[in-house]
């Protein structure tokens, strides 16, 4: 009975459209990855370790008030 209801509801087109969207997106991503130059990936791979533009954290901290250091009592 459930099979009959699902077949007569006409929802098969939505599954086909979803599959087509997935396949097109997958092919686009694969083509983009394959078409990139090797040097681009070497640069991007080192990006998390590259710290030229980031300033080092300040070694001085603002003073902590006594009320905060004793738990506010």
PDB file of N, CA and C in Angstrom:
ATOM      1  N   UNK A   1       0.815  -1.190   0.000  1.00  0.00           N
ATOM      2  CA  UNK A   1       0.000   0.000   0.000  1.00  0.00           C
ATOM      3  C   UNK A   1       0.861   1.258   0.000  1.00  0.00           C
ATOM      4  N   UNK A   2       1.873   1.292   0.813  1.00  0.00           N
ATOM      5  CA  UNK A   2       2.748   2.458   0.867  1.00  0.00           C
ATOM      6  C   UNK A   2       3.455   2.668  -0.473  1.00  0.00           C
ATOM      7  N   UNK A   3       3.839   1.577  -1.101  1.00  0.00           N
ATOM      8  CA  UNK A   3       4.488   1.654  -2.408  1.00  0.00           C
ATOM      9  C   UNK A   3       3.545   2.299  -3.436  1.00  0.00           C
ATOM     10  N   UNK A   4       2.288   1.944  -3.400  1.00  0.00           N
ATOM     11  CA  UNK A   4       1.312   2.512  -4.335  1.00  0.00           C
ATOM     12  C   UNK A   4       1.143   4.008  -4.101  1.00  0.00           C
ATOM     13  N   UNK A   5       1.114   4.405  -2.848  1.00  0.00           N
ATOM     14  CA  UNK A   5       0.950   5.822  -2.523  1.00  0.00           C
ATOM     15  C   UNK A   5       2.158   6.614  -3.009  1.00  0.00           C
ATOM     16  N   UNK A   6       3.352   6.082  -2.792  1.00  0.00           N
ATOM     17  CA  UNK A   6       4.567   6.788  -3.194  1.00  0.00           C
ATOM     18  C   UNK A   6       4.696   6.862  -4.719  1.00  0.00           C
ATOM     19  N   UNK A   7       4.314   5.819  -5.413  1.00  0.00           N
ATOM     20  CA  UNK A   7       4.397   5.822  -6.870  1.00  0.00           C
ATOM     21  C   UNK A   7       3.387   6.779  -7.492  1.00  0.00           C
ATOM     22  N   UNK A   8       2.255   6.909  -6.908  1.00  0.00           N
ATOM     23  CA  UNK A   8       1.223   7.781  -7.469  1.00  0.00           C
ATOM     24  C   UNK A   8       1.402   9.245  -7.055  1.00  0.00           C
ATOM     25  N   UNK A   9       2.300   9.521  -6.107  1.00  0.00           N
ATOM     26  CA  UNK A   9       2.474  10.903  -5.655  1.00  0.00           C
ATOM     27  C   UNK A   9       3.275  11.749  -6.632  1.00  0.00           C
ATOM     28  N   UNK A  10       4.037  11.134  -7.534  1.00  0.00           N
ATOM     29  CA  UNK A  10       4.770  11.890  -8.543  1.00  0.00           C
ATOM     30  C   UNK A  10       6.016  12.581  -8.017  1.00  0.00           C
ATOM     31  N   UNK A  11       6.626  12.055  -6.992  1.00  0.00           N
ATOM     32  CA  UNK A  11       7.807  12.680  -6.403  1.00  0.00           C
ATOM     33  C   UNK A  11       9.117  12.185  -7.008  1.00  0.00           C
ATOM     34  N   UNK A  12       9.058  11.316  -7.982  1.00  0.00           N
ATOM     35  CA  UNK A  12      10.270  10.771  -8.591  1.00  0.00           C
ATOM     36  C   UNK A  12      11.069  11.869  -9.286  1.00  0.00           C
ATOM     37  N   UNK A  13      10.405  12.863  -9.813  1.00  0.00           N
ATOM     38  CA  UNK A  13      11.104  13.959 -10.499  1.00  0.00           C
ATOM     39  C   UNK A  13      12.020  14.704  -9.534  1.00  0.00           C
ATOM     40  N   UNK A  14      11.609  14.866  -8.293  1.00  0.00           N
ATOM     41  CA  UNK A  14      12.448  15.555  -7.313  1.00  0.00           C
ATOM     42  C   UNK A  14      13.728  14.783  -7.036  1.00  0.00           C
ATOM     43  N   UNK A  15      13.641  13.478  -6.966  1.00  0.00           N
ATOM     44  CA  UNK A  15      14.825  12.657  -6.746  1.00  0.00           C
ATOM     45  C   UNK A  15      15.775  12.756  -7.935  1.00  0.00           C
ATOM     46  N   UNK A  16      15.222  12.762  -9.147  1.00  0.00           N
ATOM     47  CA  UNK A  16      16.057  12.875 -10.343  1.00  0.00           C
ATOM     48  C   UNK A  16      16.733  14.235 -10.429  1.00  0.00           C
ATOM     49  N   UNK A  17      16.023  15.299 -10.101  1.00  0.00           N
ATOM     50  CA  UNK A  17      16.594  16.644 -10.120  1.00  0.00           C
ATOM     51  C   UNK A  17      17.686  16.755  -9.057  1.00  0.00           C
ATOM     52  N   UNK A  18      17.448  16.204  -7.888  1.00  0.00           N
ATOM     53  CA  UNK A  18      18.462  16.224  -6.838  1.00  0.00           C
ATOM     54  C   UNK A  18      19.717  15.477  -7.246  1.00  0.00           C
ATOM     55  N   UNK A  19      19.545  14.347  -7.886  1.00  0.00           N
ATOM     56  CA  UNK A  19      20.683  13.571  -8.372  1.00  0.00           C
ATOM     57  C   UNK A  19      21.459  14.348  -9.429  1.00  0.00           C
ATOM     58  N   UNK A  20      20.757  14.996 -10.342  1.00  0.00           N
ATOM     59  CA  UNK A  20      21.426  15.791 -11.371  1.00  0.00           C
ATOM     60  C   UNK A  20      22.194  16.965 -10.772  1.00  0.00           C
ATOM     61  N   UNK A  21      21.619  17.644  -9.794  1.00  0.00           N
ATOM     62  CA  UNK A  21      22.315  18.759  -9.134  1.00  0.00           C
ATOM     63  C   UNK A  21      23.573  18.256  -8.446  1.00  0.00           C
ATOM     64  N   UNK A  22      23.484  17.127  -7.777  1.00  0.00           N
ATOM     65  CA  UNK A  22      24.651  16.558  -7.117  1.00  0.00           C
ATOM     66  C   UNK A  22      25.728  16.202  -8.120  1.00  0.00           C
ATOM     67  N   UNK A  23      25.362  15.530  -9.208  1.00  0.00           N
ATOM     68  CA  UNK A  23      26.346  15.108 -10.199  1.00  0.00           C
ATOM     69  C   UNK A  23      27.029  16.305 -10.867  1.00  0.00           C
ATOM     70  N   UNK A  24      26.267  17.329 -11.216  1.00  0.00           N
ATOM     71  CA  UNK A  24      26.855  18.522 -11.835  1.00  0.00           C
ATOM     72  C   UNK A  24      27.807  19.197 -10.865  1.00  0.00           C
ATOM     73  N   UNK A  25      27.415  19.350  -9.620  1.00  0.00           N
ATOM     74  CA  UNK A  25      28.284  19.967  -8.619  1.00  0.00           C
ATOM     75  C   UNK A  25      29.553  19.148  -8.417  1.00  0.00           C
ATOM     76  N   UNK A  26      29.430  17.842  -8.359  1.00  0.00           N
ATOM     77  CA  UNK A  26      30.582  16.973  -8.173  1.00  0.00           C
ATOM     78  C   UNK A  26      31.551  17.094  -9.340  1.00  0.00           C
ATOM     79  N   UNK A  27      31.046  17.097 -10.551  1.00  0.00           N
ATOM     80  CA  UNK A  27      31.903  17.214 -11.731  1.00  0.00           C
ATOM     81  C   UNK A  27      32.603  18.567 -11.759  1.00  0.00           C
ATOM     82  N   UNK A  28      31.899  19.640 -11.407  1.00  0.00           N
ATOM     83  CA  UNK A  28      32.510  20.975 -11.377  1.00  0.00           C
ATOM     84  C   UNK A  28      33.635  21.024 -10.351  1.00  0.00           C
ATOM     85  N   UNK A  29      33.418  20.479  -9.172  1.00  0.00           N
ATOM     86  CA  UNK A  29      34.454  20.480  -8.135  1.00  0.00           C
ATOM     87  C   UNK A  29      35.660  19.658  -8.578  1.00  0.00           C
ATOM     88  N   UNK A  30      35.434  18.498  -9.145  1.00  0.00           N
ATOM     89  CA  UNK A  30      36.546  17.655  -9.606  1.00  0.00           C
ATOM     90  C   UNK A  30      37.331  18.357 -10.698  1.00  0.00           C
ATOM     91  N   UNK A  31      36.647  18.966 -11.667  1.00  0.00           N
ATOM     92  CA  UNK A  31      37.342  19.677 -12.738  1.00  0.00           C
ATOM     93  C   UNK A  31      38.146  20.863 -12.202  1.00  0.00           C
ATOM     94  N   UNK A  32      37.602  21.557 -11.232  1.00  0.00           N
ATOM     95  CA  UNK A  32      38.330  22.696 -10.657  1.00  0.00           C
ATOM     96  C   UNK A  32      39.584  22.221  -9.926  1.00  0.00           C
ATOM     97  N   UNK A  33      39.486  21.138  -9.187  1.00  0.00           N
ATOM     98  CA  UNK A  33      40.638  20.609  -8.461  1.00  0.00           C
ATOM     99  C   UNK A  33      41.702  20.122  -9.429  1.00  0.00           C
ATOM    100  N   UNK A  34      41.301  19.425 -10.468  1.00  0.00           N
ATOM    101  CA  UNK A  34      42.257  18.877 -11.428  1.00  0.00           C
ATOM    102  C   UNK A  34      42.914  19.979 -12.254  1.00  0.00           C
ATOM    103  N   UNK A  35      42.196  21.055 -12.528  1.00  0.00           N
ATOM    104  CA  UNK A  35      42.718  22.095 -13.409  1.00  0.00           C
ATOM    105  C   UNK A  35      43.662  23.079 -12.707  1.00  0.00           C
ATOM    106  N   UNK A  36      43.716  23.078 -11.394  1.00  0.00           N
ATOM    107  CA  UNK A  36      44.602  24.002 -10.675  1.00  0.00           C
ATOM    108  C   UNK A  36      46.058  23.612 -10.865  1.00  0.00           C
ATOM    109  N   UNK A  37      46.924  24.615 -10.867  1.00  0.00           N
ATOM    110  CA  UNK A  37      48.363  24.364 -10.970  1.00  0.00           C
ATOM    111  C   UNK A  37      48.873  23.778  -9.663  1.00  0.00           C
ATOM    112  N   UNK A  38      49.938  23.018  -9.755  1.00  0.00           N
ATOM    113  CA  UNK A  38      50.552  22.388  -8.582  1.00  0.00           C
ATOM    114  C   UNK A  38      51.075  23.452  -7.611  1.00  0.00           C
ATOM    115  N   UNK A  39      51.630  24.538  -8.124  1.00  0.00           N
ATOM    116  CA  UNK A  39      52.155  25.603  -7.272  1.00  0.00           C
ATOM    117  C   UNK A  39      51.092  26.250  -6.404  1.00  0.00           C
ATOM    118  N   UNK A  40      49.873  26.299  -6.899  1.00  0.00           N
ATOM    119  CA  UNK A  40      48.784  26.888  -6.118  1.00  0.00           C
ATOM    120  C   UNK A  40      48.543  26.085  -4.845  1.00  0.00           C
ATOM    121  N   UNK A  41      48.537  24.771  -4.974  1.00  0.00           N
ATOM    122  CA  UNK A  41      48.290  23.927  -3.807  1.00  0.00           C
ATOM    123  C   UNK A  41      49.465  23.955  -2.833  1.00  0.00           C
ATOM    124  N   UNK A  42      50.695  24.097  -3.327  1.00  0.00           N
ATOM    125  CA  UNK A  42      51.840  24.219  -2.431  1.00  0.00           C
ATOM    126  C   UNK A  42      51.731  25.489  -1.594  1.00  0.00           C
ATOM    127  N   UNK A  43      51.328  26.575  -2.229  1.00  0.00           N
ATOM    128  CA  UNK A  43      51.153  27.840  -1.514  1.00  0.00           C
ATOM    129  C   UNK A  43      50.037  27.743  -0.479  1.00  0.00           C
ATOM    130  N   UNK A  44      48.932  27.172  -0.869  1.00  0.00           N
ATOM    131  CA  UNK A  44      47.782  27.053   0.035  1.00  0.00           C
ATOM    132  C   UNK A  44      48.095  26.089   1.185  1.00  0.00           C
ATOM    133  N   UNK A  45      48.894  25.063   0.920  1.00  0.00           N
ATOM    134  CA  UNK A  45      49.231  24.095   1.962  1.00  0.00           C
ATOM    135  C   UNK A  45      50.069  24.738   3.066  1.00  0.00           C
ATOM    136  N   UNK A  46      50.891  25.705   2.716  1.00  0.00           N
ATOM    137  CA  UNK A  46      51.733  26.368   3.711  1.00  0.00           C
ATOM    138  C   UNK A  46      51.028  27.542   4.389  1.00  0.00           C
ATOM    139  N   UNK A  47      49.845  27.885   3.952  1.00  0.00           N
ATOM    140  CA  UNK A  47      49.146  29.054   4.462  1.00  0.00           C
ATOM    141  C   UNK A  47      48.940  29.050   5.975  1.00  0.00           C
ATOM    142  N   UNK A  48      48.502  27.955   6.600  1.00  0.00           N
ATOM    143  CA  UNK A  48      48.304  27.997   8.050  1.00  0.00           C
ATOM    144  C   UNK A  48      49.601  28.233   8.833  1.00  0.00           C
ATOM    145  N   UNK A  49      50.746  27.944   8.251  1.00  0.00           N
ATOM    146  CA  UNK A  49      52.018  28.118   8.937  1.00  0.00           C
ATOM    147  C   UNK A  49      52.660  29.460   8.635  1.00  0.00           C
ATOM    148  N   UNK A  50      52.098  30.220   7.733  1.00  0.00           N
ATOM    149  CA  UNK A  50      52.664  31.496   7.306  1.00  0.00           C
ATOM    150  C   UNK A  50      52.143  32.601   8.215  1.00  0.00           C
ATOM    151  N   UNK A  51      53.025  33.214   9.019  1.00  0.00           N
ATOM    152  CA  UNK A  51      52.605  34.199  10.013  1.00  0.00           C
ATOM    153  C   UNK A  51      53.170  35.590   9.762  1.00  0.00           C
ATOM    154  N   UNK A  52      53.492  35.958   8.537  1.00  0.00           N
ATOM    155  CA  UNK A  52      54.064  37.269   8.280  1.00  0.00           C
ATOM    156  C   UNK A  52      53.105  38.400   8.595  1.00  0.00           C
ATOM    157  N   UNK A  53      51.859  38.276   8.229  1.00  0.00           N
ATOM    158  CA  UNK A  53      50.914  39.368   8.379  1.00  0.00           C
ATOM    159  C   UNK A  53      50.314  39.457   9.789  1.00  0.00           C
ATOM    160  N   UNK A  54      50.525  38.468  10.608  1.00  0.00           N
ATOM    161  CA  UNK A  54      49.952  38.463  11.956  1.00  0.00           C
ATOM    162  C   UNK A  54      50.969  39.031  12.929  1.00  0.00           C
ATOM    163  N   UNK A  55      50.526  40.000  13.705  1.00  0.00           N
ATOM    164  CA  UNK A  55      51.412  40.581  14.707  1.00  0.00           C
ATOM    165  C   UNK A  55      51.513  39.646  15.902  1.00  0.00           C
ATOM    166  N   UNK A  56      52.715  39.534  16.498  1.00  0.00           N
ATOM    167  CA  UNK A  56      52.831  38.675  17.682  1.00  0.00           C
ATOM    168  C   UNK A  56      52.021  39.254  18.837  1.00  0.00           C
ATOM    169  N   UNK A  57      51.499  38.413  19.690  1.00  0.00           N
ATOM    170  CA  UNK A  57      50.715  38.921  20.815  1.00  0.00           C
ATOM    171  C   UNK A  57      51.585  39.745  21.757  1.00  0.00           C
ATOM    172  N   UNK A  58      50.972  40.729  22.358  1.00  0.00           N
ATOM    173  CA  UNK A  58      51.692  41.605  23.278  1.00  0.00           C
ATOM    174  C   UNK A  58      52.079  40.821  24.530  1.00  0.00           C
ATOM    175  N   UNK A  59      53.307  41.046  24.984  1.00  0.00           N
ATOM    176  CA  UNK A  59      53.772  40.323  26.170  1.00  0.00           C
ATOM    177  C   UNK A  59      53.280  40.968  27.463  1.00  0.00           C
ATOM    178  N   UNK A  60      52.756  42.181  27.379  1.00  0.00           N
ATOM    179  CA  UNK A  60      52.253  42.843  28.584  1.00  0.00           C
ATOM    180  C   UNK A  60      50.757  42.615  28.677  1.00  0.00           C
ATOM    181  N   UNK A  61      50.319  42.262  29.838  1.00  0.00           N
ATOM    182  CA  UNK A  61      48.904  42.057  30.087  1.00  0.00           C
ATOM    183  C   UNK A  61      48.396  43.192  30.956  1.00  0.00           C
ATOM    184  N   UNK A  62      47.148  43.523  30.819  1.00  0.00           N
ATOM    185  CA  UNK A  62      46.605  44.553  31.712  1.00  0.00           C
ATOM    186  C   UNK A  62      46.583  44.016  33.142  1.00  0.00           C
ATOM    187  N   UNK A  63      46.821  44.895  34.104  1.00  0.00           N
ATOM    188  CA  UNK A  63      46.849  44.433  35.500  1.00  0.00           C
ATOM    189  C   UNK A  63      45.478  43.909  35.923  1.00  0.00           C
ATOM    190  N   UNK A  64      45.497  42.887  36.750  1.00  0.00           N
ATOM    191  CA  UNK A  64      44.272  42.296  37.284  1.00  0.00           C
ATOM    192  C   UNK A  64      43.985  42.969  38.614  1.00  0.00           C
ATOM    193  N   UNK A  65      42.770  43.457  38.753  1.00  0.00           N
ATOM    194  CA  UNK A  65      42.431  44.110  40.010  1.00  0.00           C
ATOM    195  C   UNK A  65      42.353  43.077  41.125  1.00  0.00           C
ATOM    196  N   UNK A  66      42.524  43.527  42.350  1.00  0.00           N
ATOM    197  CA  UNK A  66      42.533  42.607  43.483  1.00  0.00           C
ATOM    198  C   UNK A  66      41.176  41.943  43.693  1.00  0.00           C
ATOM    199  N   UNK A  67      40.123  42.646  43.367  1.00  0.00           N
ATOM    200  CA  UNK A  67      38.793  42.060  43.563  1.00  0.00           C
ATOM    201  C   UNK A  67      38.581  40.871  42.626  1.00  0.00           C
ATOM    202  N   UNK A  68      39.166  40.936  41.431  1.00  0.00           N
ATOM    203  CA  UNK A  68      39.047  39.806  40.501  1.00  0.00           C
ATOM    204  C   UNK A  68      39.942  38.654  40.922  1.00  0.00           C
ATOM    205  N   UNK A  69      41.120  38.958  41.443  1.00  0.00           N
ATOM    206  CA  UNK A  69      42.036  37.884  41.782  1.00  0.00           C
ATOM    207  C   UNK A  69      41.624  37.135  43.046  1.00  0.00           C
ATOM    208  N   UNK A  70      40.808  37.764  43.912  1.00  0.00           N
ATOM    209  CA  UNK A  70      40.365  37.091  45.124  1.00  0.00           C
ATOM    210  C   UNK A  70      38.945  36.544  44.982  1.00  0.00           C
ATOM    211  N   UNK A  71      38.451  36.496  43.774  1.00  0.00           N
ATOM    212  CA  UNK A  71      37.112  35.940  43.585  1.00  0.00           C
ATOM    213  C   UNK A  71      36.015  36.967  43.849  1.00  0.00           C
ATOM    214  N   UNK A  72      36.327  38.261  43.891  1.00  0.00           N
ATOM    215  CA  UNK A  72      35.309  39.291  44.067  1.00  0.00           C
ATOM    216  C   UNK A  72      34.776  39.412  45.462  1.00  0.00           C
ATOM    217  N   UNK A  73      35.523  39.005  46.491  1.00  0.00           N
ATOM    218  CA  UNK A  73      35.025  39.085  47.864  1.00  0.00           C
ATOM    219  C   UNK A  73      35.456  40.329  48.542  1.00  0.00           C
TER     220      UNK A  73
END
